[in-house]
Amino acid sequence: MSHTNVLLDVDTGVDDAMAILFAVAHPAINLLGVSCVAGNAALPQVVENTVRVLDAAGAGDIPVAAGATRPLLAPARDASHVHGSDGLGGIELPSTTRRSVAQGSVAMLREQLLASSEPVTIIALAPQTNLALLLRTHPEVAEKIERILFMGGSASVGNATPTAEFNVWHDPEAAAIVLDSGIQTFMYGLDVFNRVAVPLETSEALQMSGKRAERLAGALLSHRIGMGPGRQPVYTGLIGDAGAVCALVDPDALTVERLPVFVELAGASRGQTVVDRRQFPGEDRMHGLHSAVGLTDVALEVDAERYVELFLRTVALLD
């Protein structure tokens, strides 16, 4: 089986952890390194979560690097109300001797990109602060990046605000830099993110598995909760960020359109990914009021059952 060289950029919370399990397990992915950024939790907690999840996955000697502690301009705002104060919903993982490398994320990403003899895909599952800093500091690496596949944004509603998804909202300037970089981008946003869910009985069965990684996946899925009509917790079973990694190995399960996308940087819609789905030019174009916007591959529909099966089958490969 051919493989794709991959660098992960994470803010390891519950669904980042599932994505790491998948990336380590899937035979088509050659995981070169993992960079960490503040997002779901503060940076030190993100790094600790990441190394412990890599241990639980039985991963090899994969470099983990600590990156940005906050967005480019705004203060850090975590998602502890979703992922818990520790980022993993209180799930206790064994301590580990695995440590992050001495160099920071930007240096590690640059080193891995320049050392690779083949193009590298970056999968960003977090606010894109590290990537923006990398591209601004070391623009020469752009030619080594095949594309940036990111979990973030939406062509419809938001979750952090009515219009903005959390990862982009947390650092919209960083997302704007990445989208304007000239590197091909792929947006796995809320339109598909919110549809790939594992049934409750399946997650409960995973928690009884004899395999460590499957038990962890089941526990992580059981923490994927939402708020019902009376604001009571309800099980969702979303695989979340793991779906973005599924998109790398099975893109045919998605309906994708290449569309103009830009990030709103001001006002009540700050952090919104504005996806231009118009079939015909509007008044902005007719009157020369539009600005140049790059094209992004946007996932709009997903065969959810196919991704659930892919996720479960892949995690089952781990001990």
Protein backbone atom coordinates (compact mmCIF):
# COMPACT_ATOMS: atom_id res chain seq x y z
CA MET A 1 0.00 0.00 0.00
CA SER A 2 1.33 3.44 -0.90
CA HIS A 3 1.69 5.88 1.96
CA THR A 4 1.35 9.60 2.55
CA ASN A 5 3.85 11.49 4.67
CA VAL A 6 1.88 13.38 7.30
CA LEU A 7 2.54 16.00 9.95
CA LEU A 8 -0.22 16.47 12.52
CA ASP A 9 -0.90 19.78 14.24
CA VAL A 10 -3.12 19.26 17.30
CA ASP A 11 -4.57 20.79 20.46
CA THR A 12 -5.19 17.36 21.90
CA GLY A 13 -8.63 17.13 23.35
CA VAL A 14 -11.06 14.25 23.10
CA ASP A 15 -11.40 14.05 19.32
CA ASP A 16 -7.77 14.93 18.56
CA ALA A 17 -6.92 11.85 20.63
CA MET A 18 -9.11 9.71 18.37
CA ALA A 19 -7.44 11.25 15.33
CA ILE A 20 -3.99 10.39 16.70
CA LEU A 21 -5.04 6.77 17.28
CA PHE A 22 -6.27 6.58 13.69
CA ALA A 23 -3.17 8.23 12.20
CA VAL A 24 -0.81 5.88 14.05
CA ALA A 25 -2.81 2.80 13.07
CA HIS A 26 -3.57 3.38 9.41
CA PRO A 27 -1.04 1.73 7.09
CA ALA A 28 -1.39 4.44 4.43
CA ILE A 29 -0.14 7.14 6.82
CA ASN A 30 3.52 7.71 7.59
CA LEU A 31 3.36 9.98 10.62
CA LEU A 32 6.48 12.16 10.67
CA GLY A 33 5.72 14.27 13.71
CA VAL A 34 3.10 15.97 15.87
CA SER A 35 3.11 19.67 16.71
CA CYS A 36 1.03 21.01 19.59
CA VAL A 37 -0.75 24.33 20.05
CA ALA A 38 -2.98 25.87 22.69
CA GLY A 39 -6.65 25.43 21.86
CA ASN A 40 -8.87 22.85 23.53
CA ALA A 41 -6.56 23.14 26.55
CA ALA A 42 -3.48 25.10 27.57
CA LEU A 43 -0.27 24.12 25.78
CA PRO A 44 1.42 22.10 28.59
CA GLN A 45 -1.74 20.00 28.96
CA VAL A 46 -2.00 19.53 25.19
CA VAL A 47 1.60 18.24 25.04
CA GLU A 48 1.04 15.87 27.97
CA ASN A 49 -2.18 14.54 26.42
CA THR A 50 -0.45 14.02 23.10
CA VAL A 51 2.47 11.97 24.40
CA ARG A 52 0.18 9.82 26.53
CA VAL A 53 -2.15 9.10 23.61
CA LEU A 54 0.82 8.18 21.42
CA ASP A 55 1.85 5.71 24.13
CA ALA A 56 -1.66 4.27 24.26
CA ALA A 57 -1.47 3.81 20.48
CA GLY A 58 1.86 2.00 20.75
CA ALA A 59 3.42 4.59 18.42
CA GLY A 60 7.09 4.53 17.53
CA ASP A 61 9.59 7.31 18.09
CA ILE A 62 7.51 10.14 16.65
CA PRO A 63 8.71 13.65 17.54
CA VAL A 64 6.25 15.79 19.49
CA ALA A 65 6.90 19.53 19.69
CA ALA A 66 5.35 22.31 21.76
CA GLY A 67 4.23 25.36 19.81
CA ALA A 68 2.22 28.53 20.34
CA THR A 69 0.75 29.19 23.77
CA ARG A 70 -1.86 31.63 22.42
CA PRO A 71 -3.29 32.99 19.16
CA LEU A 72 -1.41 35.55 17.08
CA LEU A 73 -3.46 38.50 18.36
CA ALA A 74 -6.25 37.40 20.70
CA PRO A 75 -5.94 35.90 24.18
CA ALA A 76 -6.20 32.13 24.55
CA ARG A 77 -9.71 30.79 25.19
CA ASP A 78 -9.87 27.06 25.85
CA ALA A 79 -12.75 24.65 25.31
CA SER A 80 -12.79 23.10 28.78
CA HIS A 81 -16.61 23.19 28.78
CA VAL A 82 -16.44 20.58 25.99
CA HIS A 83 -13.22 18.65 26.69
CA GLY A 84 -12.90 19.05 30.46
CA SER A 85 -10.19 20.88 32.37
CA ASP A 86 -7.60 18.28 31.33
CA GLY A 87 -8.68 18.24 27.68
CA LEU A 88 -9.52 14.52 27.81
CA GLY A 89 -12.75 14.60 29.75
CA GLY A 90 -11.13 13.22 32.89
CA ILE A 91 -9.97 10.04 31.16
CA GLU A 92 -6.84 8.93 33.01
CA LEU A 93 -4.01 7.61 30.88
CA PRO A 94 -0.85 6.01 32.30
CA SER A 95 2.14 8.28 32.81
CA THR A 96 4.85 8.08 30.18
CA THR A 97 8.56 8.63 29.75
CA ARG A 98 7.88 9.96 26.24
CA ARG A 99 8.73 13.67 26.08
CA SER A 100 8.43 16.49 23.60
CA VAL A 101 11.56 17.42 21.67
CA ALA A 102 13.63 20.42 22.75
CA GLN A 103 12.94 22.38 19.57
CA GLY A 104 9.61 24.15 19.20
CA SER A 105 6.87 23.28 16.74
CA VAL A 106 7.95 25.72 14.04
CA ALA A 107 11.51 24.38 14.05
CA MET A 108 10.35 20.76 14.12
CA LEU A 109 7.90 21.28 11.26
CA ARG A 110 10.55 23.03 9.19
CA GLU A 111 13.09 20.28 9.85
CA GLN A 112 10.69 17.49 8.94
CA LEU A 113 9.49 19.23 5.79
CA LEU A 114 12.96 20.02 4.46
CA ALA A 115 14.24 16.52 5.29
CA SER A 116 11.44 14.73 3.46
CA SER A 117 12.24 13.48 -0.04
CA GLU A 118 8.52 13.36 -0.82
CA PRO A 119 5.77 15.98 -0.48
CA VAL A 120 4.16 16.16 2.96
CA THR A 121 0.50 16.66 3.87
CA ILE A 122 -0.15 18.71 6.99
CA ILE A 123 -3.33 17.78 8.83
CA ALA A 124 -4.31 20.63 11.14
CA LEU A 125 -6.84 19.68 13.82
CA ALA A 126 -6.45 22.82 15.89
CA PRO A 127 -6.16 26.60 15.66
CA GLN A 128 -3.61 27.20 12.90
CA THR A 129 -1.24 29.45 14.86
CA ASN A 130 1.76 27.14 14.45
CA LEU A 131 1.22 26.90 10.70
CA ALA A 132 0.88 30.65 10.27
CA LEU A 133 4.11 31.21 12.20
CA LEU A 134 5.85 28.53 10.13
CA LEU A 135 4.78 30.01 6.79
CA ARG A 136 5.63 33.56 7.80
CA THR A 137 9.01 32.61 9.31
CA HIS A 138 10.12 29.98 6.78
CA PRO A 139 8.26 30.56 3.50
CA GLU A 140 10.71 28.24 1.74
CA VAL A 141 8.92 25.22 3.21
CA ALA A 142 5.78 25.87 1.16
CA GLU A 143 7.15 23.96 -1.83
CA LYS A 144 7.50 20.83 0.34
CA ILE A 145 3.85 20.90 1.44
CA GLU A 146 1.50 18.85 -0.74
CA ARG A 147 -1.53 20.45 0.90
CA ILE A 148 -2.95 21.50 4.24
CA LEU A 149 -6.02 19.51 5.25
CA PHE A 150 -7.64 21.26 8.19
CA MET A 151 -10.51 20.54 10.51
CA GLY A 152 -12.14 23.91 10.85
CA GLY A 153 -14.64 26.32 9.44
CA SER A 154 -18.12 25.83 8.12
CA ALA A 155 -20.11 26.55 5.00
CA SER A 156 -23.22 26.89 7.18
CA VAL A 157 -23.53 27.46 10.94
CA GLY A 158 -20.83 27.79 13.57
CA ASN A 159 -20.35 26.38 17.05
CA ALA A 160 -18.14 28.92 18.84
CA THR A 161 -20.47 31.65 17.57
CA PRO A 162 -23.55 31.46 15.33
CA THR A 163 -21.27 31.76 12.30
CA ALA A 164 -17.77 30.69 13.41
CA GLU A 165 -16.28 27.25 14.12
CA PHE A 166 -13.96 27.01 17.16
CA ASN A 167 -10.59 26.29 15.53
CA VAL A 168 -10.88 29.21 13.10
CA TRP A 169 -12.56 31.50 15.64
CA HIS A 170 -9.76 30.88 18.16
CA ASP A 171 -7.17 32.35 15.76
CA PRO A 172 -8.81 33.77 12.64
CA GLU A 173 -5.70 35.68 11.57
CA ALA A 174 -3.73 32.44 11.50
CA ALA A 175 -6.41 30.69 9.42
CA ALA A 176 -6.45 33.64 7.01
CA ILE A 177 -2.67 33.40 6.55
CA VAL A 178 -2.92 29.69 5.74
CA LEU A 179 -5.80 30.15 3.29
CA ASP A 180 -3.95 33.00 1.56
CA SER A 181 -0.61 31.13 1.42
CA GLY A 182 -1.02 29.73 -2.09
CA ILE A 183 -0.74 26.17 -0.71
CA GLN A 184 -3.65 23.93 -1.68
CA THR A 185 -6.06 23.66 1.27
CA PHE A 186 -8.86 21.25 2.13
CA MET A 187 -11.56 22.26 4.62
CA TYR A 188 -13.17 19.49 6.68
CA GLY A 189 -15.67 21.69 8.48
CA LEU A 190 -18.74 21.41 10.64
CA ASP A 191 -20.90 20.49 7.63
CA VAL A 192 -19.38 16.99 7.75
CA PHE A 193 -17.80 16.99 11.23
CA ASN A 194 -21.22 16.93 12.92
CA ARG A 195 -22.49 13.93 10.99
CA VAL A 196 -20.00 11.10 11.62
CA ALA A 197 -21.17 9.42 14.82
CA VAL A 198 -20.61 6.00 16.40
CA PRO A 199 -23.73 4.39 17.95
CA LEU A 200 -23.85 4.30 21.74
CA GLU A 201 -23.93 0.50 21.91
CA THR A 202 -20.77 0.35 19.80
CA SER A 203 -18.86 2.77 22.03
CA GLU A 204 -19.97 0.77 25.08
CA ALA A 205 -18.72 -2.45 23.47
CA LEU A 206 -15.37 -0.81 22.71
CA GLN A 207 -14.92 0.02 26.38
CA MET A 208 -15.11 -3.71 27.14
CA SER A 209 -12.50 -4.62 24.51
CA GLY A 210 -9.36 -6.53 25.38
CA LYS A 211 -7.35 -4.01 23.39
CA ARG A 212 -6.03 -0.89 25.10
CA ALA A 213 -6.55 1.41 22.10
CA GLU A 214 -10.12 0.27 21.53
CA ARG A 215 -10.96 0.81 25.21
CA LEU A 216 -9.55 4.32 24.95
CA ALA A 217 -11.53 5.00 21.77
CA GLY A 218 -14.70 3.84 23.49
CA ALA A 219 -14.05 6.09 26.49
CA LEU A 220 -13.34 9.06 24.24
CA LEU A 221 -16.51 8.45 22.24
CA SER A 222 -18.53 8.23 25.44
CA HIS A 223 -17.39 11.74 26.32
CA ARG A 224 -18.62 13.16 23.00
CA ILE A 225 -21.72 14.82 24.43
CA GLY A 226 -23.98 17.67 23.47
CA MET A 227 -26.72 19.58 25.19
CA GLY A 228 -30.32 18.48 24.65
CA PRO A 229 -33.42 20.70 24.52
CA GLY A 230 -33.44 21.11 28.30
CA ARG A 231 -29.64 21.52 28.27
CA GLN A 232 -29.16 18.02 29.65
CA PRO A 233 -26.10 16.10 28.37
CA VAL A 234 -26.85 13.78 25.47
CA TYR A 235 -24.55 11.25 23.79
CA THR A 236 -23.38 12.26 20.31
CA GLY A 237 -20.62 9.71 19.57
CA LEU A 238 -18.92 12.03 17.08
CA ILE A 239 -15.48 10.94 15.94
CA GLY A 240 -14.80 14.64 15.31
CA ASP A 241 -11.23 15.42 14.24
CA ALA A 242 -10.64 11.78 13.35
CA GLY A 243 -12.96 12.32 10.41
CA ALA A 244 -10.47 14.79 8.93
CA VAL A 245 -7.82 12.06 8.94
CA CYS A 246 -10.34 9.67 7.37
CA ALA A 247 -10.69 12.29 4.61
CA LEU A 248 -7.04 11.79 3.74
CA VAL A 249 -7.27 8.04 3.20
CA ASP A 250 -10.84 7.83 1.86
CA PRO A 251 -11.72 11.10 0.09
CA ASP A 252 -14.31 9.37 -2.12
CA ALA A 253 -16.70 9.21 0.84
CA LEU A 254 -17.01 13.00 0.65
CA THR A 255 -18.77 15.40 -1.68
CA VAL A 256 -16.21 18.14 -2.26
CA GLU A 257 -16.35 21.42 -4.16
CA ARG A 258 -13.44 23.76 -4.87
CA LEU A 259 -14.76 27.16 -3.79
CA PRO A 260 -13.56 30.63 -2.84
CA VAL A 261 -13.13 30.82 0.96
CA PHE A 262 -11.96 33.66 3.17
CA VAL A 263 -11.96 34.33 6.91
CA GLU A 264 -13.92 37.23 8.38
CA LEU A 265 -11.61 39.15 10.74
CA ALA A 266 -13.90 41.75 12.28
CA GLY A 267 -17.30 42.33 13.80
CA ALA A 268 -19.90 39.90 15.06
CA SER A 269 -18.96 37.35 12.38
CA ARG A 270 -15.23 37.35 13.25
CA GLY A 271 -13.83 33.87 12.64
CA GLN A 272 -16.43 32.89 10.06
CA THR A 273 -15.20 31.04 6.98
CA VAL A 274 -17.12 32.75 4.21
CA VAL A 275 -17.64 30.12 1.51
CA ASP A 276 -18.79 31.55 -1.81
CA ARG A 277 -21.22 28.98 -3.25
CA ARG A 278 -22.88 31.34 -5.74
CA GLN A 279 -23.40 30.01 -9.24
CA PHE A 280 -23.36 33.44 -10.84
CA PRO A 281 -21.33 36.59 -10.11
CA GLY A 282 -22.93 39.07 -7.74
CA GLU A 283 -22.93 42.82 -7.44
CA ASP A 284 -19.57 42.76 -5.65
CA ARG A 285 -17.94 41.36 -8.77
CA MET A 286 -19.98 43.44 -11.16
CA HIS A 287 -18.89 46.64 -9.41
CA GLY A 288 -15.30 45.59 -8.71
CA LEU A 289 -15.84 45.45 -4.94
CA HIS A 290 -14.63 41.89 -4.35
CA SER A 291 -11.09 41.05 -3.37
CA ALA A 292 -9.04 38.14 -4.66
CA VAL A 293 -9.82 34.98 -2.71
CA GLY A 294 -8.03 31.65 -2.99
CA LEU A 295 -9.83 28.42 -3.79
CA THR A 296 -10.24 25.72 -1.15
CA ASP A 297 -11.55 22.17 -1.44
CA VAL A 298 -14.60 22.20 0.85
CA ALA A 299 -16.20 18.99 2.14
CA LEU A 300 -19.96 19.46 2.02
CA GLU A 301 -21.42 15.95 2.35
CA VAL A 302 -20.15 12.70 3.85
CA ASP A 303 -21.03 9.02 3.83
CA ALA A 304 -21.06 8.93 7.62
CA GLU A 305 -21.47 5.16 8.01
CA ARG A 306 -18.46 4.58 5.75
CA TYR A 307 -16.26 6.79 7.94
CA VAL A 308 -17.52 5.16 11.13
CA GLU A 309 -16.62 1.75 9.71
CA LEU A 310 -13.22 3.03 8.56
CA PHE A 311 -12.46 4.52 11.97
CA LEU A 312 -13.45 1.39 13.89
CA ARG A 313 -11.64 -0.94 11.51
CA THR A 314 -8.47 1.12 11.70
CA VAL A 315 -8.36 1.51 15.49
CA ALA A 316 -8.86 -2.26 15.75
CA LEU A 317 -5.41 -2.67 14.15
CA LEU A 318 -3.81 -1.32 17.33
CA ASP A 319 -2.97 -3.60 20.27
